[in-house]
């Protein structure tokens, strides 16, 4: 539910310490509510979250959002767009204040070409996302809404954050009305 990747974070922290050119790889702070990526927009950076929580979501043509995942420490954002030279597939918004490493795309591509450790970490990350997406899709088919809701409420409690009802519904892929019914059933 809350994705982290401490191996990737450790790699980037070490790289940042050794970096001579601060413009290629810099540490930036983003307040709550900031969009790191905007669906269909262009990005000149790839981000790796140092601390904080973001939501990654699609906005559908009908005006509804679908939250793909909540991302935190060590998760990479914008890598697919950088690799494929595409517009952003989805939006990523900060749910808390976030510190993230911002990597210029030319430097990201250089790492991708020349650094075997970086390549391995990125492949592992992409494989993990594929597994998580498949697992989440099957669990949403097999388990009740209340089961997913309990997990979201547990995440709120453990991370000491507030997730809006709209975001809960968007993560579960349900309407606000269905969410309210599920919340009533849990009481």
N, C-alpha and C. Protein backbone atom coordinates (compact mmCIF):
# COMPACT_ATOMS: atom_id res chain seq x y z
N UNK A 1 0.82 -1.19 0.00
CA UNK A 1 0.00 0.00 0.00
C UNK A 1 0.87 1.26 0.00
N UNK A 2 1.84 1.34 0.89
CA UNK A 2 2.80 2.46 0.88
C UNK A 2 4.12 1.88 0.41
N UNK A 3 4.50 2.23 -0.80
CA UNK A 3 5.69 1.65 -1.41
C UNK A 3 6.94 2.42 -1.01
N UNK A 4 7.98 1.66 -0.66
CA UNK A 4 9.29 2.23 -0.34
C UNK A 4 10.36 1.38 -1.02
N UNK A 5 11.56 1.96 -1.18
CA UNK A 5 12.68 1.22 -1.75
C UNK A 5 13.96 1.78 -1.12
N UNK A 6 14.35 1.19 -0.01
CA UNK A 6 15.51 1.70 0.74
C UNK A 6 16.83 1.44 0.02
N UNK A 7 16.89 0.41 -0.81
CA UNK A 7 18.12 0.15 -1.58
C UNK A 7 18.36 1.28 -2.59
N UNK A 8 17.30 1.68 -3.28
CA UNK A 8 17.41 2.75 -4.27
C UNK A 8 17.78 4.07 -3.57
N UNK A 9 17.17 4.34 -2.44
CA UNK A 9 17.45 5.56 -1.69
C UNK A 9 18.91 5.59 -1.24
N UNK A 10 19.39 4.50 -0.74
CA UNK A 10 20.80 4.42 -0.29
C UNK A 10 21.75 4.69 -1.46
N UNK A 11 21.46 4.10 -2.61
CA UNK A 11 22.29 4.30 -3.80
C UNK A 11 22.34 5.79 -4.18
N UNK A 12 21.18 6.44 -4.22
CA UNK A 12 21.10 7.84 -4.63
C UNK A 12 21.74 8.75 -3.59
N UNK A 13 21.58 8.44 -2.31
CA UNK A 13 22.22 9.25 -1.26
C UNK A 13 23.74 9.21 -1.41
N UNK A 14 24.28 8.01 -1.65
CA UNK A 14 25.73 7.88 -1.85
C UNK A 14 26.18 8.63 -3.10
N UNK A 15 25.42 8.52 -4.16
CA UNK A 15 25.74 9.22 -5.41
C UNK A 15 25.71 10.73 -5.20
N UNK A 16 24.72 11.20 -4.47
CA UNK A 16 24.58 12.64 -4.19
C UNK A 16 25.77 13.17 -3.40
N UNK A 17 26.24 12.38 -2.43
CA UNK A 17 27.41 12.79 -1.64
C UNK A 17 28.65 12.93 -2.50
N UNK A 18 28.78 12.10 -3.54
CA UNK A 18 29.97 12.11 -4.40
C UNK A 18 29.86 13.10 -5.56
N UNK A 19 28.64 13.61 -5.81
CA UNK A 19 28.40 14.46 -6.98
C UNK A 19 29.12 15.80 -6.88
N UNK A 20 29.86 16.11 -7.93
CA UNK A 20 30.53 17.42 -8.02
C UNK A 20 29.57 18.46 -8.59
N UNK A 21 28.75 18.06 -9.54
CA UNK A 21 27.84 19.00 -10.20
C UNK A 21 26.45 18.91 -9.56
N UNK A 22 26.15 19.90 -8.75
CA UNK A 22 24.89 19.91 -8.00
C UNK A 22 23.66 20.03 -8.89
N UNK A 23 23.82 20.54 -10.11
CA UNK A 23 22.69 20.70 -11.02
C UNK A 23 22.18 19.37 -11.56
N UNK A 24 23.06 18.38 -11.68
CA UNK A 24 22.65 17.07 -12.21
C UNK A 24 21.80 16.28 -11.24
N UNK A 25 22.12 16.41 -9.95
CA UNK A 25 21.45 15.64 -8.91
C UNK A 25 21.37 16.51 -7.66
N UNK A 26 20.18 17.02 -7.37
CA UNK A 26 20.04 17.93 -6.23
C UNK A 26 18.91 17.48 -5.33
N UNK A 27 19.00 17.87 -4.07
CA UNK A 27 17.98 17.55 -3.09
C UNK A 27 17.05 18.75 -2.97
N UNK A 28 15.75 18.53 -3.16
CA UNK A 28 14.78 19.61 -3.14
C UNK A 28 13.66 19.30 -2.15
N UNK A 29 13.05 20.35 -1.65
CA UNK A 29 11.92 20.21 -0.72
C UNK A 29 10.65 20.71 -1.41
N UNK A 30 9.57 19.95 -1.23
CA UNK A 30 8.28 20.28 -1.84
C UNK A 30 7.21 20.26 -0.75
N UNK A 31 6.45 21.36 -0.62
CA UNK A 31 5.39 21.37 0.39
C UNK A 31 4.22 20.46 0.00
N UNK A 32 3.44 20.10 1.02
CA UNK A 32 2.22 19.30 0.82
C UNK A 32 1.36 19.97 -0.26
N UNK A 33 0.84 19.15 -1.19
CA UNK A 33 -0.04 19.65 -2.24
C UNK A 33 0.68 20.03 -3.53
N UNK A 34 2.00 19.80 -3.59
CA UNK A 34 2.78 20.12 -4.79
C UNK A 34 2.69 18.95 -5.78
N UNK A 35 2.55 19.28 -7.06
CA UNK A 35 2.58 18.26 -8.11
C UNK A 35 4.02 18.10 -8.57
N UNK A 36 4.58 16.90 -8.39
CA UNK A 36 5.92 16.59 -8.90
C UNK A 36 5.84 16.25 -10.37
N UNK A 37 4.77 15.58 -10.76
CA UNK A 37 4.49 15.26 -12.16
C UNK A 37 3.02 15.55 -12.42
N UNK A 38 2.72 16.03 -13.62
CA UNK A 38 1.33 16.27 -14.01
C UNK A 38 1.01 15.43 -15.24
N UNK A 39 -0.07 14.68 -15.17
CA UNK A 39 -0.50 13.82 -16.27
C UNK A 39 -0.54 14.62 -17.57
N UNK A 40 0.05 14.06 -18.61
CA UNK A 40 0.16 14.63 -19.95
C UNK A 40 1.15 15.79 -20.05
N UNK A 41 1.76 16.18 -18.94
CA UNK A 41 2.76 17.25 -18.97
C UNK A 41 4.14 16.70 -19.27
N UNK A 42 5.11 17.58 -19.37
CA UNK A 42 6.51 17.19 -19.60
C UNK A 42 7.28 17.39 -18.30
N UNK A 43 8.26 16.57 -18.08
CA UNK A 43 9.12 16.71 -16.91
C UNK A 43 10.56 16.74 -17.37
N UNK A 44 11.34 17.58 -16.75
CA UNK A 44 12.78 17.64 -17.06
C UNK A 44 13.59 16.92 -16.00
N UNK A 45 12.89 16.32 -15.03
CA UNK A 45 13.56 15.65 -13.92
C UNK A 45 12.95 14.28 -13.66
N UNK A 46 13.77 13.44 -13.07
CA UNK A 46 13.33 12.19 -12.46
C UNK A 46 13.53 12.40 -10.97
N UNK A 47 12.58 11.94 -10.15
CA UNK A 47 12.65 12.17 -8.72
C UNK A 47 12.79 10.86 -7.97
N UNK A 48 13.56 10.90 -6.88
CA UNK A 48 13.62 9.79 -5.94
C UNK A 48 13.31 10.38 -4.57
N UNK A 49 12.27 9.87 -3.95
CA UNK A 49 11.80 10.42 -2.69
C UNK A 49 12.76 10.07 -1.57
N UNK A 50 13.19 11.09 -0.84
CA UNK A 50 14.03 10.87 0.35
C UNK A 50 13.14 10.67 1.57
N UNK A 51 12.15 11.57 1.73
CA UNK A 51 11.18 11.38 2.82
C UNK A 51 9.88 12.08 2.47
N UNK A 52 8.81 11.57 3.07
CA UNK A 52 7.48 12.08 2.80
C UNK A 52 6.65 11.09 2.01
N UNK A 53 5.41 11.46 1.75
CA UNK A 53 4.47 10.56 1.07
C UNK A 53 3.81 11.28 -0.09
N UNK A 54 3.69 10.58 -1.22
CA UNK A 54 3.03 11.10 -2.41
C UNK A 54 1.93 10.13 -2.84
N UNK A 55 1.03 10.65 -3.67
CA UNK A 55 0.05 9.76 -4.30
C UNK A 55 0.26 9.85 -5.81
N UNK A 56 0.24 8.71 -6.46
CA UNK A 56 0.38 8.61 -7.91
C UNK A 56 -1.00 8.23 -8.44
N UNK A 57 -1.52 9.07 -9.37
CA UNK A 57 -2.90 8.83 -9.80
C UNK A 57 -3.13 9.22 -11.26
N UNK A 58 -4.14 8.57 -11.84
CA UNK A 58 -4.64 8.89 -13.18
C UNK A 58 -5.91 9.71 -13.03
N UNK A 59 -6.07 10.72 -13.86
CA UNK A 59 -7.33 11.46 -13.95
C UNK A 59 -8.01 10.98 -15.22
N UNK A 60 -9.20 10.44 -15.06
CA UNK A 60 -9.93 9.88 -16.18
C UNK A 60 -10.73 10.97 -16.89
N UNK A 61 -11.16 10.67 -18.10
CA UNK A 61 -11.93 11.63 -18.90
C UNK A 61 -13.24 12.03 -18.24
N UNK A 62 -13.77 11.16 -17.38
CA UNK A 62 -15.03 11.47 -16.70
C UNK A 62 -14.83 12.35 -15.46
N UNK A 63 -13.59 12.81 -15.25
CA UNK A 63 -13.29 13.69 -14.13
C UNK A 63 -12.93 12.98 -12.84
N UNK A 64 -12.95 11.66 -12.85
CA UNK A 64 -12.62 10.90 -11.65
C UNK A 64 -11.13 10.56 -11.64
N UNK A 65 -10.58 10.48 -10.44
CA UNK A 65 -9.19 10.08 -10.26
C UNK A 65 -9.13 8.64 -9.80
N UNK A 66 -8.06 7.97 -10.16
CA UNK A 66 -7.79 6.61 -9.68
C UNK A 66 -6.36 6.60 -9.15
N UNK A 67 -6.23 6.38 -7.85
CA UNK A 67 -4.90 6.35 -7.24
C UNK A 67 -4.28 4.99 -7.48
N UNK A 68 -3.14 5.02 -8.15
CA UNK A 68 -2.41 3.79 -8.46
C UNK A 68 -1.67 3.30 -7.23
N UNK A 69 -1.02 4.25 -6.53
CA UNK A 69 -0.19 3.86 -5.39
C UNK A 69 0.15 5.06 -4.54
N UNK A 70 0.45 4.79 -3.29
CA UNK A 70 1.05 5.78 -2.40
C UNK A 70 2.54 5.46 -2.35
N UNK A 71 3.39 6.46 -2.59
CA UNK A 71 4.83 6.24 -2.71
C UNK A 71 5.57 7.03 -1.65
N UNK A 72 6.66 6.43 -1.14
CA UNK A 72 7.44 7.09 -0.10
C UNK A 72 8.93 6.84 -0.32
N UNK A 73 9.70 6.76 0.74
CA UNK A 73 11.15 6.73 0.69
C UNK A 73 11.72 5.76 -0.35
N UNK A 74 12.57 6.32 -1.22
CA UNK A 74 13.30 5.51 -2.19
C UNK A 74 12.56 5.23 -3.47
N UNK A 75 11.30 5.62 -3.57
CA UNK A 75 10.55 5.37 -4.80
C UNK A 75 10.94 6.39 -5.87
N UNK A 76 11.03 5.91 -7.10
CA UNK A 76 11.44 6.74 -8.23
C UNK A 76 10.21 7.16 -9.02
N UNK A 77 10.23 8.41 -9.49
CA UNK A 77 9.10 8.98 -10.24
C UNK A 77 9.61 9.59 -11.53
N UNK A 78 8.92 9.33 -12.62
CA UNK A 78 9.26 9.94 -13.91
C UNK A 78 10.28 9.17 -14.73
N UNK A 79 10.66 8.00 -14.27
CA UNK A 79 11.68 7.22 -14.99
C UNK A 79 11.16 6.67 -16.31
N UNK A 80 9.91 6.23 -16.34
CA UNK A 80 9.35 5.68 -17.57
C UNK A 80 9.27 6.77 -18.64
N UNK A 81 8.83 7.94 -18.22
CA UNK A 81 8.73 9.07 -19.14
C UNK A 81 10.11 9.47 -19.67
N UNK A 82 11.12 9.42 -18.80
CA UNK A 82 12.49 9.76 -19.23
C UNK A 82 13.04 8.71 -20.20
N UNK A 83 12.80 7.46 -19.91
CA UNK A 83 13.31 6.38 -20.76
C UNK A 83 12.64 6.43 -22.14
N UNK A 84 11.34 6.64 -22.15
CA UNK A 84 10.58 6.62 -23.41
C UNK A 84 10.41 7.98 -24.05
N UNK A 85 10.86 9.03 -23.38
CA UNK A 85 10.72 10.41 -23.87
C UNK A 85 9.25 10.75 -24.13
N UNK A 86 8.40 10.38 -23.16
CA UNK A 86 6.95 10.59 -23.25
C UNK A 86 6.50 11.69 -22.30
N UNK A 87 5.29 12.17 -22.53
CA UNK A 87 4.63 13.00 -21.52
C UNK A 87 4.32 12.13 -20.31
N UNK A 88 4.04 12.76 -19.19
CA UNK A 88 3.78 12.04 -17.95
C UNK A 88 2.52 11.18 -18.07
N UNK A 89 2.64 9.92 -17.68
CA UNK A 89 1.52 8.98 -17.74
C UNK A 89 0.46 9.29 -16.69
N UNK A 90 0.90 9.81 -15.56
CA UNK A 90 -0.02 10.10 -14.46
C UNK A 90 0.50 11.29 -13.68
N UNK A 91 -0.25 11.71 -12.69
CA UNK A 91 0.16 12.80 -11.82
C UNK A 91 0.70 12.22 -10.52
N UNK A 92 1.64 12.96 -9.92
CA UNK A 92 2.15 12.61 -8.60
C UNK A 92 2.09 13.88 -7.76
N UNK A 93 1.32 13.80 -6.66
CA UNK A 93 1.12 14.94 -5.77
C UNK A 93 1.62 14.59 -4.37
N UNK A 94 2.22 15.55 -3.69
CA UNK A 94 2.69 15.32 -2.34
C UNK A 94 1.51 15.35 -1.36
N UNK A 95 1.44 14.33 -0.49
CA UNK A 95 0.42 14.29 0.56
C UNK A 95 0.95 14.87 1.86
N UNK A 96 2.27 14.88 2.00
CA UNK A 96 2.96 15.50 3.13
C UNK A 96 4.07 16.36 2.53
N UNK A 97 4.77 17.11 3.35
CA UNK A 97 5.98 17.76 2.86
C UNK A 97 6.92 16.64 2.40
N UNK A 98 7.58 16.86 1.27
CA UNK A 98 8.44 15.82 0.69
C UNK A 98 9.81 16.39 0.37
N UNK A 99 10.82 15.60 0.68
CA UNK A 99 12.18 15.88 0.23
C UNK A 99 12.49 14.83 -0.83
N UNK A 100 12.99 15.27 -1.97
CA UNK A 100 13.27 14.33 -3.06
C UNK A 100 14.51 14.75 -3.80
N UNK A 101 15.23 13.76 -4.28
CA UNK A 101 16.37 14.01 -5.16
C UNK A 101 15.82 14.23 -6.57
N UNK A 102 16.24 15.32 -7.18
CA UNK A 102 15.83 15.65 -8.55
C UNK A 102 17.02 15.39 -9.46
N UNK A 103 16.83 14.49 -10.43
CA UNK A 103 17.91 14.11 -11.34
C UNK A 103 17.57 14.65 -12.72
N UNK A 104 18.48 15.43 -13.30
CA UNK A 104 18.28 15.90 -14.68
C UNK A 104 18.21 14.69 -15.60
N UNK A 105 17.36 14.76 -16.60
CA UNK A 105 17.15 13.61 -17.49
C UNK A 105 18.42 13.19 -18.23
N UNK A 106 19.26 14.12 -18.75
CA UNK A 106 20.50 13.66 -19.39
C UNK A 106 21.39 12.86 -18.42
N UNK A 107 21.45 13.28 -17.16
CA UNK A 107 22.25 12.54 -16.17
C UNK A 107 21.61 11.19 -15.86
N UNK A 108 20.28 11.16 -15.76
CA UNK A 108 19.56 9.90 -15.56
C UNK A 108 19.88 8.91 -16.68
N UNK A 109 19.85 9.40 -17.93
CA UNK A 109 20.14 8.52 -19.07
C UNK A 109 21.59 8.06 -19.06
N UNK A 110 22.47 8.91 -18.60
CA UNK A 110 23.89 8.53 -18.49
C UNK A 110 24.04 7.42 -17.45
N UNK A 111 23.37 7.55 -16.32
CA UNK A 111 23.41 6.50 -15.30
C UNK A 111 22.85 5.20 -15.86
N UNK A 112 21.78 5.31 -16.60
CA UNK A 112 21.12 4.15 -17.18
C UNK A 112 22.04 3.43 -18.17
N UNK A 113 22.81 4.18 -18.90
CA UNK A 113 23.73 3.59 -19.88
C UNK A 113 24.98 2.98 -19.25
N UNK A 114 25.51 3.63 -18.21
CA UNK A 114 26.86 3.29 -17.76
C UNK A 114 26.97 2.65 -16.38
N UNK A 115 25.96 2.73 -15.56
CA UNK A 115 26.09 2.25 -14.18
C UNK A 115 25.28 0.96 -14.00
N UNK A 116 25.98 -0.16 -13.89
CA UNK A 116 25.31 -1.46 -13.76
C UNK A 116 24.49 -1.57 -12.48
N UNK A 117 24.97 -0.99 -11.38
CA UNK A 117 24.20 -1.02 -10.13
C UNK A 117 22.88 -0.26 -10.28
N UNK A 118 22.94 0.89 -10.93
CA UNK A 118 21.73 1.68 -11.18
C UNK A 118 20.76 0.89 -12.06
N UNK A 119 21.28 0.26 -13.10
CA UNK A 119 20.44 -0.55 -13.99
C UNK A 119 19.72 -1.65 -13.22
N UNK A 120 20.47 -2.34 -12.36
CA UNK A 120 19.89 -3.44 -11.59
C UNK A 120 18.81 -2.92 -10.64
N UNK A 121 19.09 -1.81 -9.95
CA UNK A 121 18.11 -1.24 -9.04
C UNK A 121 16.83 -0.83 -9.78
N UNK A 122 17.00 -0.23 -10.94
CA UNK A 122 15.84 0.20 -11.72
C UNK A 122 15.04 -1.00 -12.23
N UNK A 123 15.72 -2.02 -12.72
CA UNK A 123 15.01 -3.23 -13.17
C UNK A 123 14.26 -3.89 -12.02
N UNK A 124 14.90 -3.96 -10.86
CA UNK A 124 14.23 -4.53 -9.68
C UNK A 124 12.98 -3.72 -9.32
N UNK A 125 13.12 -2.40 -9.38
CA UNK A 125 11.98 -1.52 -9.07
C UNK A 125 10.83 -1.74 -10.05
N UNK A 126 11.13 -1.79 -11.33
CA UNK A 126 10.08 -1.98 -12.33
C UNK A 126 9.43 -3.35 -12.19
N UNK A 127 10.22 -4.37 -11.89
CA UNK A 127 9.66 -5.71 -11.67
C UNK A 127 8.77 -5.72 -10.43
N UNK A 128 9.20 -5.05 -9.38
CA UNK A 128 8.40 -4.97 -8.15
C UNK A 128 7.07 -4.27 -8.42
N UNK A 129 7.08 -3.22 -9.21
CA UNK A 129 5.84 -2.52 -9.55
C UNK A 129 4.89 -3.42 -10.32
N UNK A 130 5.42 -4.19 -11.23
CA UNK A 130 4.59 -5.11 -12.01
C UNK A 130 3.93 -6.14 -11.08
N UNK A 131 4.71 -6.68 -10.17
CA UNK A 131 4.18 -7.65 -9.20
C UNK A 131 3.11 -7.00 -8.34
N UNK A 132 3.39 -5.80 -7.82
CA UNK A 132 2.44 -5.11 -6.95
C UNK A 132 1.15 -4.77 -7.68
N UNK A 133 1.26 -4.34 -8.93
CA UNK A 133 0.07 -4.01 -9.71
C UNK A 133 -0.79 -5.24 -9.93
N UNK A 134 -0.16 -6.35 -10.28
CA UNK A 134 -0.91 -7.59 -10.49
C UNK A 134 -1.56 -8.06 -9.20
N UNK A 135 -0.82 -8.00 -8.12
CA UNK A 135 -1.33 -8.44 -6.82
C UNK A 135 -2.50 -7.57 -6.37
N UNK A 136 -2.37 -6.27 -6.56
CA UNK A 136 -3.44 -5.35 -6.15
C UNK A 136 -4.70 -5.58 -7.00
N UNK A 137 -4.52 -5.77 -8.30
CA UNK A 137 -5.67 -6.00 -9.17
C UNK A 137 -6.42 -7.26 -8.75
N UNK A 138 -5.68 -8.32 -8.45
CA UNK A 138 -6.36 -9.56 -8.05
C UNK A 138 -7.01 -9.41 -6.68
N UNK A 139 -6.36 -8.70 -5.76
CA UNK A 139 -6.94 -8.55 -4.44
C UNK A 139 -8.20 -7.70 -4.48
N UNK A 140 -8.25 -6.69 -5.37
CA UNK A 140 -9.46 -5.89 -5.49
C UNK A 140 -10.61 -6.72 -6.06
N UNK A 141 -10.29 -7.74 -6.82
CA UNK A 141 -11.33 -8.61 -7.36
C UNK A 141 -11.78 -9.64 -6.33
N UNK A 142 -10.85 -10.09 -5.48
CA UNK A 142 -11.15 -11.19 -4.58
C UNK A 142 -11.66 -10.77 -3.20
N UNK A 143 -11.28 -9.59 -2.75
CA UNK A 143 -11.64 -9.17 -1.40
C UNK A 143 -12.66 -8.06 -1.42
N UNK A 144 -13.31 -7.87 -0.28
CA UNK A 144 -14.35 -6.85 -0.18
C UNK A 144 -13.73 -5.45 -0.10
N UNK A 145 -14.57 -4.47 -0.32
CA UNK A 145 -14.16 -3.07 -0.19
C UNK A 145 -13.69 -2.82 1.25
N UNK A 146 -14.38 -3.42 2.20
CA UNK A 146 -14.03 -3.22 3.61
C UNK A 146 -12.61 -3.68 3.90
N UNK A 147 -12.17 -4.75 3.24
CA UNK A 147 -10.80 -5.24 3.43
C UNK A 147 -9.79 -4.18 2.99
N UNK A 148 -9.99 -3.61 1.81
CA UNK A 148 -9.09 -2.56 1.33
C UNK A 148 -9.16 -1.32 2.18
N UNK A 149 -10.36 -0.99 2.64
CA UNK A 149 -10.55 0.18 3.48
C UNK A 149 -9.80 0.03 4.81
N UNK A 150 -9.85 -1.17 5.39
CA UNK A 150 -9.11 -1.42 6.64
C UNK A 150 -7.62 -1.16 6.43
N UNK A 151 -7.10 -1.55 5.27
CA UNK A 151 -5.67 -1.33 4.99
C UNK A 151 -5.35 0.16 4.88
N UNK A 152 -6.25 0.92 4.26
CA UNK A 152 -6.02 2.37 4.14
C UNK A 152 -6.07 3.02 5.52
N UNK A 153 -7.04 2.64 6.34
CA UNK A 153 -7.15 3.20 7.68
C UNK A 153 -5.93 2.85 8.53
N UNK A 154 -5.42 1.65 8.34
CA UNK A 154 -4.20 1.22 9.03
C UNK A 154 -3.00 2.06 8.58
N UNK A 155 -2.91 2.35 7.28
CA UNK A 155 -1.84 3.19 6.76
C UNK A 155 -1.91 4.59 7.39
N UNK A 156 -3.10 5.15 7.46
CA UNK A 156 -3.29 6.47 8.09
C UNK A 156 -2.76 6.47 9.51
N UNK A 157 -3.13 5.43 10.25
CA UNK A 157 -2.74 5.34 11.65
C UNK A 157 -1.23 5.19 11.80
N UNK A 158 -0.64 4.27 11.04
CA UNK A 158 0.80 4.01 11.14
C UNK A 158 1.65 5.20 10.71
N UNK A 159 1.21 5.92 9.67
CA UNK A 159 1.99 7.05 9.14
C UNK A 159 1.58 8.38 9.78
N UNK A 160 0.55 8.34 10.62
CA UNK A 160 0.05 9.55 11.27
C UNK A 160 -0.27 10.64 10.24
N UNK A 161 -1.02 10.25 9.21
CA UNK A 161 -1.45 11.18 8.17
C UNK A 161 -2.96 11.10 8.02
N UNK A 162 -3.52 12.06 7.34
CA UNK A 162 -4.95 12.03 7.03
C UNK A 162 -5.09 11.85 5.53
N UNK A 163 -5.81 10.82 5.14
CA UNK A 163 -6.12 10.59 3.73
C UNK A 163 -7.58 10.95 3.55
N UNK A 164 -7.85 11.86 2.64
CA UNK A 164 -9.22 12.33 2.43
C UNK A 164 -10.11 11.18 1.96
N UNK A 165 -11.41 11.34 2.19
CA UNK A 165 -12.36 10.34 1.71
C UNK A 165 -12.29 10.21 0.20
N UNK A 166 -12.08 11.33 -0.48
CA UNK A 166 -11.97 11.31 -1.95
C UNK A 166 -10.79 10.45 -2.38
N UNK A 167 -9.65 10.59 -1.68
CA UNK A 167 -8.47 9.79 -2.01
C UNK A 167 -8.67 8.32 -1.66
N UNK A 168 -9.37 8.05 -0.55
CA UNK A 168 -9.65 6.65 -0.20
C UNK A 168 -10.49 6.01 -1.29
N UNK A 169 -11.54 6.72 -1.72
CA UNK A 169 -12.41 6.18 -2.77
C UNK A 169 -11.63 6.00 -4.07
N UNK A 170 -10.76 6.97 -4.40
CA UNK A 170 -9.97 6.89 -5.63
C UNK A 170 -8.99 5.72 -5.58
N UNK A 171 -8.45 5.43 -4.42
CA UNK A 171 -7.53 4.29 -4.29
C UNK A 171 -8.28 2.97 -4.44
N UNK A 172 -9.47 2.91 -3.87
CA UNK A 172 -10.26 1.68 -3.94
C UNK A 172 -11.01 1.52 -5.26
N UNK A 173 -11.06 2.60 -6.05
CA UNK A 173 -11.75 2.55 -7.33
C UNK A 173 -13.26 2.49 -7.16
N UNK A 174 -13.76 3.20 -6.14
CA UNK A 174 -15.20 3.20 -5.86
C UNK A 174 -15.70 4.64 -5.74
N UNK A 175 -17.02 4.79 -5.66
CA UNK A 175 -17.61 6.11 -5.48
C UNK A 175 -17.52 6.52 -4.02
N UNK A 176 -17.69 7.79 -3.79
CA UNK A 176 -17.71 8.32 -2.42
C UNK A 176 -18.88 7.71 -1.63
N UNK A 177 -19.98 7.53 -2.31
CA UNK A 177 -21.17 6.93 -1.67
C UNK A 177 -20.87 5.51 -1.19
N UNK A 178 -20.20 4.72 -2.05
CA UNK A 178 -19.83 3.34 -1.66
C UNK A 178 -18.85 3.36 -0.50
N UNK A 179 -17.94 4.32 -0.52
CA UNK A 179 -16.98 4.44 0.59
C UNK A 179 -17.71 4.74 1.90
N UNK A 180 -18.63 5.68 1.86
CA UNK A 180 -19.38 6.02 3.07
C UNK A 180 -20.15 4.82 3.62
N UNK A 181 -20.72 4.02 2.71
CA UNK A 181 -21.42 2.80 3.14
C UNK A 181 -20.43 1.84 3.81
N UNK A 182 -19.25 1.68 3.20
CA UNK A 182 -18.24 0.78 3.76
C UNK A 182 -17.75 1.28 5.13
N UNK A 183 -17.58 2.59 5.28
CA UNK A 183 -17.17 3.14 6.57
C UNK A 183 -18.24 2.88 7.63
N UNK A 184 -19.50 3.01 7.25
CA UNK A 184 -20.60 2.74 8.18
C UNK A 184 -20.59 1.27 8.57
N UNK A 185 -20.35 0.37 7.62
CA UNK A 185 -20.32 -1.06 7.89
C UNK A 185 -19.17 -1.44 8.83
N UNK A 186 -18.08 -0.70 8.78
CA UNK A 186 -16.93 -1.00 9.64
C UNK A 186 -17.15 -0.62 11.08
N UNK A 187 -18.06 0.34 11.32
CA UNK A 187 -18.29 0.82 12.70
C UNK A 187 -19.00 -0.15 13.54
